[in-house]
Amino acid sequence: MTIPAVGKRIKDFLGRIPNDALIMLALLLVATFSFGLGILAGKDMAKGERQGIWIEQRPVEAATLGPGKVIEPIPEPIAGGGQYVASKNGEVYYLPWCGGVSRIKEENRVWFVSKEEAEKRGYRPAKNCKGI
């Protein structure tokens, strides 16, 4: 049997099936495939092979809702005694949620209440830490 003959037989077979049934079959196959992918992703998460999503919180400015109505931002918690952190061995300071902070060992972290305090001690702001 040749390839064109097989193609003709498939077309003839599909021509006898109503279009609504073909659409339902396609939807069923897509739903089954999606469900299977979800199960596989869940197994990876249970084994700890995948990391979760990290959400970075940024400071919120005060917002005005109308005459005399202002929503004040919730102040950031002062972690470890300050708003800025640096390494004893480094030259730059960061905000606590910046990526560079995760590379500083806990025992080497130095905390500052203000930028001025950090700069007085000889540190400069990190270039890769937005918000400083």
C-alpha atoms as a PDB file:
ATOM      1  CA  MET A   1       0.000   0.000   0.000  1.00  0.00           C
ATOM      2  CA  THR A   2       1.400   3.404  -0.974  1.00  0.00           C
ATOM      3  CA  ILE A   3       1.476   6.556   1.119  1.00  0.00           C
ATOM      4  CA  PRO A   4      -1.136   8.360  -1.028  1.00  0.00           C
ATOM      5  CA  ALA A   5      -3.431   5.342  -0.666  1.00  0.00           C
ATOM      6  CA  VAL A   6      -3.055   5.438   3.158  1.00  0.00           C
ATOM      7  CA  GLY A   7      -3.802   9.163   3.109  1.00  0.00           C
ATOM      8  CA  LYS A   8      -6.956   8.570   1.068  1.00  0.00           C
ATOM      9  CA  ARG A   9      -8.132   5.857   3.476  1.00  0.00           C
ATOM     10  CA  ILE A  10      -7.589   8.162   6.478  1.00  0.00           C
ATOM     11  CA  LYS A  11      -9.505  10.989   4.756  1.00  0.00           C
ATOM     12  CA  ASP A  12     -12.361   8.635   3.942  1.00  0.00           C
ATOM     13  CA  PHE A  13     -12.468   7.382   7.548  1.00  0.00           C
ATOM     14  CA  LEU A  14     -12.411  10.908   9.026  1.00  0.00           C
ATOM     15  CA  GLY A  15     -15.058  11.998   6.521  1.00  0.00           C
ATOM     16  CA  ARG A  16     -17.500   9.497   8.051  1.00  0.00           C
ATOM     17  CA  ILE A  17     -16.995  10.870  11.604  1.00  0.00           C
ATOM     18  CA  PRO A  18     -19.083  13.948  12.495  1.00  0.00           C
ATOM     19  CA  ASN A  19     -17.096  17.185  13.038  1.00  0.00           C
ATOM     20  CA  ASP A  20     -18.520  17.597  16.561  1.00  0.00           C
ATOM     21  CA  ALA A  21     -17.117  14.206  17.554  1.00  0.00           C
ATOM     22  CA  LEU A  22     -13.665  15.138  16.205  1.00  0.00           C
ATOM     23  CA  ILE A  23     -13.686  18.397  18.183  1.00  0.00           C
ATOM     24  CA  MET A  24     -14.700  16.553  21.359  1.00  0.00           C
ATOM     25  CA  LEU A  25     -11.957  13.978  20.783  1.00  0.00           C
ATOM     26  CA  ALA A  26      -9.357  16.732  20.328  1.00  0.00           C
ATOM     27  CA  LEU A  27     -10.506  18.493  23.527  1.00  0.00           C
ATOM     28  CA  LEU A  28     -10.388  15.222  25.449  1.00  0.00           C
ATOM     29  CA  LEU A  29      -6.840  14.520  24.262  1.00  0.00           C
ATOM     30  CA  VAL A  30      -5.647  18.042  25.173  1.00  0.00           C
ATOM     31  CA  ALA A  31      -7.256  17.826  28.624  1.00  0.00           C
ATOM     32  CA  THR A  32      -5.710  14.412  29.300  1.00  0.00           C
ATOM     33  CA  PHE A  33      -2.274  15.587  28.182  1.00  0.00           C
ATOM     34  CA  SER A  34      -2.503  18.726  30.359  1.00  0.00           C
ATOM     35  CA  PHE A  35      -3.605  16.705  33.381  1.00  0.00           C
ATOM     36  CA  GLY A  36      -0.692  14.313  32.894  1.00  0.00           C
ATOM     37  CA  LEU A  37       1.794  17.205  32.719  1.00  0.00           C
ATOM     38  CA  GLY A  38       0.331  18.609  35.941  1.00  0.00           C
ATOM     39  CA  ILE A  39       0.781  15.265  37.688  1.00  0.00           C
ATOM     40  CA  LEU A  40       4.396  15.041  36.517  1.00  0.00           C
ATOM     41  CA  ALA A  41       5.134  18.600  37.669  1.00  0.00           C
ATOM     42  CA  GLY A  42       3.611  17.809  41.067  1.00  0.00           C
ATOM     43  CA  LYS A  43       5.857  14.768  41.461  1.00  0.00           C
ATOM     44  CA  ASP A  44       8.925  16.926  40.754  1.00  0.00           C
ATOM     45  CA  MET A  45       7.781  19.444  43.373  1.00  0.00           C
ATOM     46  CA  ALA A  46       7.218  16.700  45.965  1.00  0.00           C
ATOM     47  CA  LYS A  47      10.767  15.413  45.465  1.00  0.00           C
ATOM     48  CA  GLY A  48      12.142  18.918  45.970  1.00  0.00           C
ATOM     49  CA  GLU A  49      13.736  18.983  42.532  1.00  0.00           C
ATOM     50  CA  ARG A  50      12.138  22.298  41.569  1.00  0.00           C
ATOM     51  CA  GLN A  51      12.253  25.589  43.383  1.00  0.00           C
ATOM     52  CA  GLY A  52       9.188  27.670  44.076  1.00  0.00           C
ATOM     53  CA  ILE A  53       8.517  31.165  42.812  1.00  0.00           C
ATOM     54  CA  TRP A  54      10.125  34.031  44.746  1.00  0.00           C
ATOM     55  CA  ILE A  55       8.162  37.249  45.023  1.00  0.00           C
ATOM     56  CA  GLU A  56      10.191  40.361  45.695  1.00  0.00           C
ATOM     57  CA  GLN A  57       8.478  43.029  47.762  1.00  0.00           C
ATOM     58  CA  ARG A  58       9.382  46.614  47.038  1.00  0.00           C
ATOM     59  CA  PRO A  59       8.666  49.688  49.157  1.00  0.00           C
ATOM     60  CA  VAL A  60       5.338  51.374  48.425  1.00  0.00           C
ATOM     61  CA  GLU A  61       4.991  55.138  48.180  1.00  0.00           C
ATOM     62  CA  ALA A  62       2.094  56.851  49.957  1.00  0.00           C
ATOM     63  CA  ALA A  63      -0.972  56.943  47.703  1.00  0.00           C
ATOM     64  CA  THR A  64      -3.631  59.671  47.636  1.00  0.00           C
ATOM     65  CA  LEU A  65      -7.226  58.488  47.247  1.00  0.00           C
ATOM     66  CA  GLY A  66      -8.878  61.866  47.222  1.00  0.00           C
ATOM     67  CA  PRO A  67      -9.105  65.041  49.262  1.00  0.00           C
ATOM     68  CA  GLY A  68      -7.652  64.331  52.688  1.00  0.00           C
ATOM     69  CA  LYS A  69      -7.471  60.526  52.224  1.00  0.00           C
ATOM     70  CA  VAL A  70      -3.968  59.089  52.149  1.00  0.00           C
ATOM     71  CA  ILE A  71      -2.861  55.467  52.456  1.00  0.00           C
ATOM     72  CA  GLU A  72       0.443  55.362  54.295  1.00  0.00           C
ATOM     73  CA  PRO A  73       2.843  52.583  53.271  1.00  0.00           C
ATOM     74  CA  ILE A  74       3.528  49.797  55.721  1.00  0.00           C
ATOM     75  CA  PRO A  75       7.104  50.265  56.925  1.00  0.00           C
ATOM     76  CA  GLU A  76       9.581  47.548  56.034  1.00  0.00           C
ATOM     77  CA  PRO A  77      10.645  45.461  59.018  1.00  0.00           C
ATOM     78  CA  ILE A  78      14.153  46.175  60.237  1.00  0.00           C
ATOM     79  CA  ALA A  79      15.929  42.850  59.837  1.00  0.00           C
ATOM     80  CA  GLY A  80      18.968  42.273  62.001  1.00  0.00           C
ATOM     81  CA  GLY A  81      18.858  45.807  63.377  1.00  0.00           C
ATOM     82  CA  GLY A  82      18.997  47.950  60.220  1.00  0.00           C
ATOM     83  CA  GLN A  83      17.626  48.870  56.821  1.00  0.00           C
ATOM     84  CA  TYR A  84      20.887  48.306  54.922  1.00  0.00           C
ATOM     85  CA  VAL A  85      23.314  45.396  55.047  1.00  0.00           C
ATOM     86  CA  ALA A  86      26.938  44.945  54.018  1.00  0.00           C
ATOM     87  CA  SER A  87      29.688  42.396  54.427  1.00  0.00           C
ATOM     88  CA  LYS A  88      32.499  42.948  56.923  1.00  0.00           C
ATOM     89  CA  ASN A  89      34.916  42.058  54.117  1.00  0.00           C
ATOM     90  CA  GLY A  90      33.174  43.979  51.324  1.00  0.00           C
ATOM     91  CA  GLU A  91      32.943  47.550  50.087  1.00  0.00           C
ATOM     92  CA  VAL A  92      29.251  47.859  49.141  1.00  0.00           C
ATOM     93  CA  TYR A  93      25.955  47.936  51.034  1.00  0.00           C
ATOM     94  CA  TYR A  94      22.596  46.507  49.943  1.00  0.00           C
ATOM     95  CA  LEU A  95      18.929  46.601  50.780  1.00  0.00           C
ATOM     96  CA  PRO A  96      17.981  43.400  52.671  1.00  0.00           C
ATOM     97  CA  TRP A  97      16.068  41.924  49.694  1.00  0.00           C
ATOM     98  CA  CYS A  98      18.791  42.444  47.073  1.00  0.00           C
ATOM     99  CA  GLY A  99      20.373  39.366  45.505  1.00  0.00           C
ATOM    100  CA  GLY A 100      23.874  40.078  46.773  1.00  0.00           C
ATOM    101  CA  VAL A 101      22.777  39.685  50.407  1.00  0.00           C
ATOM    102  CA  SER A 102      22.217  35.947  49.981  1.00  0.00           C
ATOM    103  CA  ARG A 103      25.948  35.509  49.275  1.00  0.00           C
ATOM    104  CA  ILE A 104      26.965  37.160  52.569  1.00  0.00           C
ATOM    105  CA  LYS A 105      27.371  34.713  55.438  1.00  0.00           C
ATOM    106  CA  GLU A 106      25.229  35.548  58.456  1.00  0.00           C
ATOM    107  CA  GLU A 107      28.267  36.026  60.708  1.00  0.00           C
ATOM    108  CA  ASN A 108      29.816  38.512  58.217  1.00  0.00           C
ATOM    109  CA  ARG A 109      26.735  40.740  57.884  1.00  0.00           C
ATOM    110  CA  VAL A 110      26.920  44.318  59.164  1.00  0.00           C
ATOM    111  CA  TRP A 111      23.614  46.220  59.516  1.00  0.00           C
ATOM    112  CA  PHE A 112      23.100  49.975  59.156  1.00  0.00           C
ATOM    113  CA  VAL A 113      20.065  52.114  59.989  1.00  0.00           C
ATOM    114  CA  SER A 114      20.727  54.651  57.208  1.00  0.00           C
ATOM    115  CA  LYS A 115      22.690  55.130  53.999  1.00  0.00           C
ATOM    116  CA  GLU A 116      24.665  57.896  55.667  1.00  0.00           C
ATOM    117  CA  GLU A 117      25.825  55.543  58.418  1.00  0.00           C
ATOM    118  CA  ALA A 118      26.984  52.963  55.863  1.00  0.00           C
ATOM    119  CA  GLU A 119      28.811  55.584  53.803  1.00  0.00           C
ATOM    120  CA  LYS A 120      30.511  57.002  56.932  1.00  0.00           C
ATOM    121  CA  ARG A 121      31.933  53.530  57.568  1.00  0.00           C
ATOM    122  CA  GLY A 122      33.426  53.461  54.045  1.00  0.00           C
ATOM    123  CA  TYR A 123      30.782  51.477  52.124  1.00  0.00           C
ATOM    124  CA  ARG A 124      29.276  52.539  48.801  1.00  0.00           C
ATOM    125  CA  PRO A 125      25.847  51.589  47.359  1.00  0.00           C
ATOM    126  CA  ALA A 126      25.652  48.390  45.285  1.00  0.00           C
ATOM    127  CA  LYS A 127      25.114  49.107  41.587  1.00  0.00           C
ATOM    128  CA  ASN A 128      23.003  45.966  41.052  1.00  0.00           C
ATOM    129  CA  CYS A 129      20.573  46.738  43.914  1.00  0.00           C
ATOM    130  CA  LYS A 130      17.664  48.895  42.722  1.00  0.00           C
ATOM    131  CA  GLY A 131      16.162  51.296  45.205  1.00  0.00           C
ATOM    132  CA  ILE A 132      19.355  52.532  46.828  1.00  0.00           C
END
